[in-house]
Amino acid sequence: MDFFEVLEGRRSVRAYAQATVAATQLATILDAVRVAPSAGDLQAFRIAVVDSPEQKAGLAKAALGQSFIGDAAIVLVFLADVERSAVKYAQRGRTLFALQDATIAAAYAQLCATALGLASCWVGAFDDAQVANVLGAPAGLWPIAILPIGVPAETPQRPPRRSHAALLLRTQAGPPH
């Protein structure tokens, strides 16, 4: 699958077949994440790989009852490592750059999963403290995204997308007044 097919083919899938994700597929996803860009190349994020039914159920509960999380073969949880970024960027690293690093990493994982014929769904609605508790995450790691990954059991249609004109902000040339 070429890059543009991956972009076009990615969907938010909430139904997964009872199939495993091969260790080689997970390794490929993690390799893709490793090359994601990050602020100052600090890679200020961590990833929890969750495959136990109990932890997946705990994450589903923490994510406001989104039970499909528990049905995925694996769940990746991306956490911003705020202090790693703060070493170089102080408060901006804590509040923005670590968040961006974890977000970009999760996006790379999603695209790689799609390229491998797997499916995922970005989950951002959750209780941070509950997610951290389920994972046993140490202080300083801020949960940013839950990414269930598995073999798709559905093929959702693409929702309508905004036009280029609706996305673009027209700016005025010249210095601000």
Protein backbone atom coordinates (compact mmCIF):
# COMPACT_ATOMS: atom_id res chain seq x y z
CA MET A 1 0.00 0.00 0.00
CA ASP A 2 1.51 3.35 -0.94
CA PHE A 3 1.45 6.36 1.36
CA PHE A 4 -1.58 8.02 -0.20
CA GLU A 5 -3.55 4.76 -0.08
CA VAL A 6 -2.71 4.55 3.62
CA LEU A 7 -4.01 8.09 4.17
CA GLU A 8 -7.16 7.39 2.19
CA GLY A 9 -7.72 3.99 3.79
CA ARG A 10 -7.36 4.92 7.46
CA ARG A 11 -10.65 4.82 9.32
CA SER A 12 -11.74 4.89 12.95
CA VAL A 13 -12.69 1.27 13.52
CA ARG A 14 -14.64 0.24 16.59
CA ALA A 15 -15.19 -3.46 15.84
CA TYR A 16 -12.34 -5.96 15.84
CA ALA A 17 -12.10 -9.60 14.78
CA GLN A 18 -10.95 -12.17 17.32
CA ALA A 19 -7.42 -12.25 15.93
CA THR A 20 -4.02 -11.38 17.29
CA VAL A 21 -1.55 -8.75 16.20
CA ALA A 22 1.69 -10.53 15.37
CA ALA A 23 4.80 -9.59 17.33
CA THR A 24 6.42 -8.55 14.05
CA GLN A 25 3.50 -6.21 13.31
CA LEU A 26 3.80 -4.61 16.74
CA ALA A 27 7.56 -4.24 16.25
CA THR A 28 6.95 -2.56 12.88
CA ILE A 29 4.50 -0.12 14.48
CA LEU A 30 6.98 0.69 17.25
CA ASP A 31 9.73 1.19 14.65
CA ALA A 32 7.48 3.69 12.83
CA VAL A 33 6.87 5.53 16.10
CA ARG A 34 10.60 5.74 16.79
CA VAL A 35 11.16 7.80 13.62
CA ALA A 36 8.34 10.26 14.31
CA PRO A 37 9.50 13.87 14.62
CA SER A 38 9.64 15.40 18.08
CA ALA A 39 10.58 18.72 19.63
CA GLY A 40 14.34 18.91 19.97
CA ASP A 41 14.41 15.20 19.06
CA LEU A 42 13.72 14.47 22.73
CA GLN A 43 11.00 11.90 21.95
CA ALA A 44 9.21 13.06 25.10
CA PHE A 45 6.65 10.29 25.25
CA ARG A 46 6.22 6.74 26.48
CA ILE A 47 4.00 3.97 25.17
CA ALA A 48 2.18 1.36 27.22
CA VAL A 49 1.42 -1.82 25.27
CA VAL A 50 -1.67 -3.41 26.80
CA ASP A 51 -2.83 -6.91 25.89
CA SER A 52 -4.32 -8.26 29.11
CA PRO A 53 -8.14 -8.45 29.13
CA GLU A 54 -8.25 -6.95 32.63
CA GLN A 55 -6.20 -3.89 31.73
CA LYS A 56 -8.08 -3.41 28.44
CA ALA A 57 -11.36 -3.51 30.40
CA GLY A 58 -9.94 -0.98 32.85
CA LEU A 59 -8.98 1.32 29.99
CA ALA A 60 -12.47 0.95 28.46
CA LYS A 61 -14.02 1.93 31.79
CA ALA A 62 -11.61 4.88 32.14
CA ALA A 63 -12.60 5.91 28.60
CA LEU A 64 -16.19 6.53 29.63
CA GLY A 65 -17.32 2.98 28.88
CA GLN A 66 -16.04 2.72 25.30
CA SER A 67 -16.16 -1.08 25.40
CA PHE A 68 -14.67 -1.64 21.93
CA ILE A 69 -11.27 -0.85 23.49
CA GLY A 70 -11.42 -4.21 25.25
CA ASP A 71 -12.16 -6.02 21.96
CA ALA A 72 -8.93 -4.94 20.23
CA ALA A 73 -6.00 -7.36 20.12
CA ILE A 74 -3.70 -4.76 21.66
CA VAL A 75 -4.07 -1.26 22.99
CA LEU A 76 -1.31 1.32 22.83
CA VAL A 77 -1.51 4.18 25.28
CA PHE A 78 0.62 7.21 24.45
CA LEU A 79 1.79 9.26 27.41
CA ALA A 80 3.57 12.60 27.30
CA ASP A 81 6.80 12.58 29.30
CA VAL A 82 6.50 16.16 30.48
CA GLU A 83 9.71 16.37 32.48
CA ARG A 84 11.80 14.97 29.60
CA SER A 85 10.63 17.87 27.47
CA ALA A 86 10.88 20.41 30.31
CA VAL A 87 14.62 19.78 30.67
CA LYS A 88 15.19 21.63 27.41
CA TYR A 89 12.01 23.69 26.96
CA ALA A 90 10.83 24.47 30.52
CA GLN A 91 7.10 25.15 30.85
CA ARG A 92 6.46 25.18 27.08
CA GLY A 93 7.91 21.66 26.94
CA ARG A 94 5.69 20.54 29.82
CA THR A 95 2.45 21.99 28.51
CA LEU A 96 2.82 21.76 24.73
CA PHE A 97 5.85 20.00 23.25
CA ALA A 98 5.49 16.73 25.19
CA LEU A 99 1.80 16.67 24.20
CA GLN A 100 2.73 17.22 20.55
CA ASP A 101 5.43 14.52 20.68
CA ALA A 102 2.96 11.93 22.02
CA THR A 103 0.30 13.01 19.53
CA ILE A 104 2.61 12.74 16.52
CA ALA A 105 3.83 9.34 17.72
CA ALA A 106 0.23 8.10 18.01
CA ALA A 107 -0.55 9.36 14.51
CA TYR A 108 2.47 7.50 13.10
CA ALA A 109 1.28 4.34 14.87
CA GLN A 110 -2.19 4.72 13.34
CA LEU A 111 -0.84 5.14 9.83
CA CYS A 112 1.56 2.23 10.22
CA ALA A 113 -1.24 -0.01 11.51
CA THR A 114 -3.29 0.89 8.44
CA ALA A 115 -0.36 0.10 6.13
CA LEU A 116 -0.13 -3.34 7.80
CA GLY A 117 -3.83 -4.05 7.15
CA LEU A 118 -4.77 -3.45 10.78
CA ALA A 119 -7.31 -1.02 12.16
CA SER A 120 -7.35 1.46 15.01
CA CYS A 121 -9.43 4.17 16.60
CA TRP A 122 -8.04 7.26 18.28
CA VAL A 123 -9.60 7.59 21.74
CA GLY A 124 -9.11 10.89 23.51
CA ALA A 125 -12.16 10.91 25.82
CA PHE A 126 -10.98 9.41 29.08
CA ASP A 127 -10.18 10.16 32.70
CA ASP A 128 -6.44 10.82 32.85
CA ALA A 129 -6.05 9.67 36.45
CA GLN A 130 -7.95 6.43 35.84
CA VAL A 131 -5.85 5.62 32.77
CA ALA A 132 -2.63 6.31 34.68
CA ASN A 133 -3.89 4.10 37.51
CA VAL A 134 -4.77 1.19 35.18
CA LEU A 135 -1.26 1.40 33.71
CA GLY A 136 0.54 1.99 36.98
CA ALA A 137 2.15 4.98 35.27
CA PRO A 138 4.57 7.04 37.35
CA ALA A 139 4.02 10.73 38.02
CA GLY A 140 5.13 12.97 35.17
CA LEU A 141 3.56 10.81 32.46
CA TRP A 142 0.37 12.37 31.08
CA PRO A 143 -1.99 10.08 29.09
CA ILE A 144 -2.69 11.64 25.71
CA ALA A 145 -4.25 8.97 23.48
CA ILE A 146 -5.57 5.44 23.72
CA LEU A 147 -5.13 3.52 20.47
CA PRO A 148 -6.85 0.12 20.21
CA ILE A 149 -5.36 -1.88 17.33
CA GLY A 150 -6.57 -5.09 15.74
CA VAL A 151 -7.88 -6.86 12.69
CA PRO A 152 -10.95 -4.92 11.52
CA ALA A 153 -14.40 -6.51 11.74
CA GLU A 154 -15.99 -3.54 9.97
CA THR A 155 -15.18 -1.13 7.17
CA PRO A 156 -16.71 2.24 8.02
CA GLN A 157 -17.40 4.75 5.27
CA ARG A 158 -15.36 7.93 5.31
CA PRO A 159 -17.29 10.76 6.95
CA PRO A 160 -17.59 14.00 4.96
CA ARG A 161 -14.43 16.11 4.94
CA ARG A 162 -14.17 19.90 4.89
CA SER A 163 -13.12 21.59 1.67
CA HIS A 164 -9.72 23.25 1.22
CA ALA A 165 -11.44 26.64 1.34
CA ALA A 166 -13.05 25.81 4.68
CA LEU A 167 -9.71 24.70 6.16
CA LEU A 168 -7.57 27.63 5.03
CA LEU A 169 -7.10 30.80 7.00
CA ARG A 170 -6.53 33.73 4.69
CA THR A 171 -3.94 36.11 6.06
CA GLN A 172 -3.13 39.66 5.07
CA ALA A 173 0.30 40.54 3.76
CA GLY A 174 2.42 43.07 5.60
CA PRO A 175 3.26 43.77 9.24
CA PRO A 176 0.54 43.55 11.90
CA HIS A 177 -1.08 46.81 13.00
